[in-house]
Amino acid sequence: MGGLETVAANRFEGQHEYLRTRRTIIEADDSLREREMHKRAAMSEAISRGFLTRGFDELTSMLAAQLCVSVFNITLSCWLDQDSERPQPLSELVQETLRVLQSITQAGTHSGSVQQSSKYKTQHLIESGHRV
């Protein structure tokens, strides 16, 4: 299990309803939305520093950190949009989102089209507005 899946399983599973309520409150308040943006930026900076410490160059570190934060926030938003009685495990959605990202990046280097996931479509990501 990778880092994002571990965070999803250990930190967020079992808190679906609480996090849905939290998201609704944050969306209704400009200062809370701004606070969330700052938290995301701080998380990205911390992840980037971790990659730098492990010997990655600055560009790779920044790009990987931004991708990690984006993947997680998009996945969390999709998870929170699910039926609250039986949501798909968040760790599974992380894996699915990573597969979609991989297919998008491979589509740029290989011929063929990007296949959409059967569980949530690219359109859903756009419609959800990546909110958390």
C-alpha atoms as a PDB file:
ATOM      1  CA  MET A   1       0.000   0.000   0.000  1.00  0.00           C
ATOM      2  CA  GLY A   2       1.415   3.373  -1.048  1.00  0.00           C
ATOM      3  CA  GLY A   3       1.523   6.597   0.943  1.00  0.00           C
ATOM      4  CA  LEU A   4      -1.761   8.039  -0.315  1.00  0.00           C
ATOM      5  CA  GLU A   5      -3.612   4.763   0.255  1.00  0.00           C
ATOM      6  CA  THR A   6      -2.182   4.528   3.777  1.00  0.00           C
ATOM      7  CA  VAL A   7      -3.295   8.056   4.641  1.00  0.00           C
ATOM      8  CA  ALA A   8      -6.734   7.348   3.187  1.00  0.00           C
ATOM      9  CA  ALA A   9      -7.159   4.112   5.132  1.00  0.00           C
ATOM     10  CA  ASN A  10      -5.757   5.332   8.456  1.00  0.00           C
ATOM     11  CA  ARG A  11      -6.919   8.924   8.615  1.00  0.00           C
ATOM     12  CA  PHE A  12     -10.200   9.206   6.720  1.00  0.00           C
ATOM     13  CA  GLU A  13     -12.011   5.848   6.527  1.00  0.00           C
ATOM     14  CA  GLY A  14     -14.977   5.760   8.888  1.00  0.00           C
ATOM     15  CA  GLN A  15     -15.364   9.546   8.871  1.00  0.00           C
ATOM     16  CA  HIS A  16     -17.436   9.932   5.723  1.00  0.00           C
ATOM     17  CA  GLU A  17     -20.420  11.730   7.285  1.00  0.00           C
ATOM     18  CA  TYR A  18     -18.248  13.959   9.472  1.00  0.00           C
ATOM     19  CA  LEU A  19     -16.129  14.992   6.486  1.00  0.00           C
ATOM     20  CA  ARG A  20     -19.204  15.656   4.340  1.00  0.00           C
ATOM     21  CA  THR A  21     -20.546  17.994   7.038  1.00  0.00           C
ATOM     22  CA  ARG A  22     -17.111  19.619   7.368  1.00  0.00           C
ATOM     23  CA  ARG A  23     -16.945  20.223   3.611  1.00  0.00           C
ATOM     24  CA  THR A  24     -20.399  21.849   3.616  1.00  0.00           C
ATOM     25  CA  ILE A  25     -19.358  24.220   6.406  1.00  0.00           C
ATOM     26  CA  ILE A  26     -16.086  25.126   4.679  1.00  0.00           C
ATOM     27  CA  GLU A  27     -17.796  25.760   1.338  1.00  0.00           C
ATOM     28  CA  ALA A  28     -20.135  28.243   3.017  1.00  0.00           C
ATOM     29  CA  ASP A  29     -17.375  30.416   4.478  1.00  0.00           C
ATOM     30  CA  ASP A  30     -14.779  32.377   2.485  1.00  0.00           C
ATOM     31  CA  SER A  31     -12.212  32.455   5.299  1.00  0.00           C
ATOM     32  CA  LEU A  32     -12.488  28.692   5.840  1.00  0.00           C
ATOM     33  CA  ARG A  33     -12.025  28.062   2.117  1.00  0.00           C
ATOM     34  CA  GLU A  34      -8.932  30.252   2.176  1.00  0.00           C
ATOM     35  CA  ARG A  35      -7.643  28.364   5.210  1.00  0.00           C
ATOM     36  CA  GLU A  36      -8.086  25.070   3.336  1.00  0.00           C
ATOM     37  CA  MET A  37      -6.085  26.452   0.401  1.00  0.00           C
ATOM     38  CA  HIS A  38      -3.258  27.384   2.778  1.00  0.00           C
ATOM     39  CA  LYS A  39      -3.335  23.913   4.321  1.00  0.00           C
ATOM     40  CA  ARG A  40      -3.065  22.336   0.876  1.00  0.00           C
ATOM     41  CA  ALA A  41      -0.140  24.580   0.003  1.00  0.00           C
ATOM     42  CA  ALA A  42       1.605  23.687   3.270  1.00  0.00           C
ATOM     43  CA  MET A  43       1.014  19.998   2.618  1.00  0.00           C
ATOM     44  CA  SER A  44       2.489  20.340  -0.872  1.00  0.00           C
ATOM     45  CA  GLU A  45       5.543  22.149   0.491  1.00  0.00           C
ATOM     46  CA  ALA A  46       6.091  19.442   3.125  1.00  0.00           C
ATOM     47  CA  ILE A  47       5.824  16.657   0.529  1.00  0.00           C
ATOM     48  CA  SER A  48       8.185  18.539  -1.774  1.00  0.00           C
ATOM     49  CA  ARG A  49      10.744  18.888   1.031  1.00  0.00           C
ATOM     50  CA  GLY A  50      10.459  15.145   1.629  1.00  0.00           C
ATOM     51  CA  PHE A  51      11.299  14.424  -2.003  1.00  0.00           C
ATOM     52  CA  LEU A  52      14.200  16.900  -1.901  1.00  0.00           C
ATOM     53  CA  THR A  53      15.553  15.213   1.230  1.00  0.00           C
ATOM     54  CA  ARG A  54      15.458  11.892  -0.610  1.00  0.00           C
ATOM     55  CA  GLY A  55      17.651  13.323  -3.367  1.00  0.00           C
ATOM     56  CA  PHE A  56      15.132  14.294  -6.032  1.00  0.00           C
ATOM     57  CA  ASP A  57      15.707  17.505  -7.959  1.00  0.00           C
ATOM     58  CA  GLU A  58      13.569  20.579  -7.259  1.00  0.00           C
ATOM     59  CA  LEU A  59      11.355  20.321 -10.357  1.00  0.00           C
ATOM     60  CA  THR A  60      10.571  16.640  -9.758  1.00  0.00           C
ATOM     61  CA  SER A  61       9.918  17.304  -6.074  1.00  0.00           C
ATOM     62  CA  MET A  62       7.527  20.183  -6.736  1.00  0.00           C
ATOM     63  CA  LEU A  63       5.673  18.346  -9.492  1.00  0.00           C
ATOM     64  CA  ALA A  64       5.320  15.145  -7.467  1.00  0.00           C
ATOM     65  CA  ALA A  65       4.116  17.082  -4.421  1.00  0.00           C
ATOM     66  CA  GLN A  66       1.497  18.998  -6.401  1.00  0.00           C
ATOM     67  CA  LEU A  67       0.304  15.780  -8.031  1.00  0.00           C
ATOM     68  CA  CYS A  68       0.018  14.027  -4.657  1.00  0.00           C
ATOM     69  CA  VAL A  69      -2.067  16.830  -3.195  1.00  0.00           C
ATOM     70  CA  SER A  70      -4.248  17.099  -6.307  1.00  0.00           C
ATOM     71  CA  VAL A  71      -4.842  13.358  -6.553  1.00  0.00           C
ATOM     72  CA  PHE A  72      -5.779  13.148  -2.913  1.00  0.00           C
ATOM     73  CA  ASN A  73      -8.093  16.162  -2.947  1.00  0.00           C
ATOM     74  CA  ILE A  74      -9.870  15.064  -6.116  1.00  0.00           C
ATOM     75  CA  THR A  75     -10.253  11.559  -4.724  1.00  0.00           C
ATOM     76  CA  LEU A  76     -11.538  12.834  -1.394  1.00  0.00           C
ATOM     77  CA  SER A  77     -14.073  15.028  -3.179  1.00  0.00           C
ATOM     78  CA  CYS A  78     -15.329  12.097  -5.251  1.00  0.00           C
ATOM     79  CA  TRP A  79     -15.544   9.965  -2.115  1.00  0.00           C
ATOM     80  CA  LEU A  80     -17.542  12.614  -0.264  1.00  0.00           C
ATOM     81  CA  ASP A  81     -19.930  12.876  -3.219  1.00  0.00           C
ATOM     82  CA  GLN A  82     -20.820   9.184  -2.825  1.00  0.00           C
ATOM     83  CA  ASP A  83     -23.838   7.818  -0.983  1.00  0.00           C
ATOM     84  CA  SER A  84     -23.026   8.129   2.698  1.00  0.00           C
ATOM     85  CA  GLU A  85     -24.473   4.746   3.646  1.00  0.00           C
ATOM     86  CA  ARG A  86     -22.046   2.606   1.637  1.00  0.00           C
ATOM     87  CA  PRO A  87     -19.211   4.649   0.148  1.00  0.00           C
ATOM     88  CA  GLN A  88     -16.489   2.841  -1.751  1.00  0.00           C
ATOM     89  CA  PRO A  89     -13.349   2.608   0.415  1.00  0.00           C
ATOM     90  CA  LEU A  90     -11.302   5.763  -0.017  1.00  0.00           C
ATOM     91  CA  SER A  91      -8.091   3.774  -0.468  1.00  0.00           C
ATOM     92  CA  GLU A  92      -9.675   2.040  -3.497  1.00  0.00           C
ATOM     93  CA  LEU A  93     -10.624   5.408  -4.977  1.00  0.00           C
ATOM     94  CA  VAL A  94      -7.032   6.608  -4.515  1.00  0.00           C
ATOM     95  CA  GLN A  95      -5.817   3.622  -6.537  1.00  0.00           C
ATOM     96  CA  GLU A  96      -8.464   4.289  -9.183  1.00  0.00           C
ATOM     97  CA  THR A  97      -7.540   7.972  -9.435  1.00  0.00           C
ATOM     98  CA  LEU A  98      -3.877   7.043  -9.817  1.00  0.00           C
ATOM     99  CA  ARG A  99      -4.774   4.629 -12.625  1.00  0.00           C
ATOM    100  CA  VAL A 100      -6.689   7.421 -14.396  1.00  0.00           C
ATOM    101  CA  LEU A 101      -3.710   9.772 -13.974  1.00  0.00           C
ATOM    102  CA  GLN A 102      -1.396   7.104 -15.333  1.00  0.00           C
ATOM    103  CA  SER A 103      -3.632   6.526 -18.362  1.00  0.00           C
ATOM    104  CA  ILE A 104      -3.747  10.276 -19.025  1.00  0.00           C
ATOM    105  CA  THR A 105       0.036  10.609 -18.887  1.00  0.00           C
ATOM    106  CA  GLN A 106       0.517   7.517 -21.048  1.00  0.00           C
ATOM    107  CA  ALA A 107      -1.976   8.848 -23.586  1.00  0.00           C
ATOM    108  CA  GLY A 108       0.393  11.738 -24.204  1.00  0.00           C
ATOM    109  CA  THR A 109       3.200   9.363 -25.184  1.00  0.00           C
ATOM    110  CA  HIS A 110       1.267   6.516 -26.794  1.00  0.00           C
ATOM    111  CA  SER A 111      -1.348   6.421 -29.480  1.00  0.00           C
ATOM    112  CA  GLY A 112      -4.866   5.607 -28.371  1.00  0.00           C
ATOM    113  CA  SER A 113      -7.431   7.210 -26.171  1.00  0.00           C
ATOM    114  CA  VAL A 114      -7.663   7.535 -22.430  1.00  0.00           C
ATOM    115  CA  GLN A 115     -10.110   5.012 -21.035  1.00  0.00           C
ATOM    116  CA  GLN A 116     -12.434   6.329 -18.368  1.00  0.00           C
ATOM    117  CA  SER A 117     -12.934   4.456 -15.134  1.00  0.00           C
ATOM    118  CA  SER A 118     -16.239   2.642 -14.762  1.00  0.00           C
ATOM    119  CA  LYS A 119     -16.708   3.865 -11.207  1.00  0.00           C
ATOM    120  CA  TYR A 120     -16.375   7.564 -11.828  1.00  0.00           C
ATOM    121  CA  LYS A 121     -15.902   9.418 -15.044  1.00  0.00           C
ATOM    122  CA  THR A 122     -13.658  12.323 -15.882  1.00  0.00           C
ATOM    123  CA  GLN A 123     -16.792  14.442 -16.229  1.00  0.00           C
ATOM    124  CA  HIS A 124     -17.571  13.836 -12.558  1.00  0.00           C
ATOM    125  CA  LEU A 125     -14.171  15.256 -11.626  1.00  0.00           C
ATOM    126  CA  ILE A 126     -14.911  18.390 -13.605  1.00  0.00           C
ATOM    127  CA  GLU A 127     -18.438  18.746 -12.229  1.00  0.00           C
ATOM    128  CA  SER A 128     -17.314  18.243  -8.622  1.00  0.00           C
ATOM    129  CA  GLY A 129     -15.011  21.251  -8.882  1.00  0.00           C
ATOM    130  CA  HIS A 130     -12.353  19.398  -6.861  1.00  0.00           C
ATOM    131  CA  ARG A 131     -13.903  20.536  -3.610  1.00  0.00           C
ATOM    132  CA  VAL A 132     -13.090  19.005  -0.228  1.00  0.00           C
END
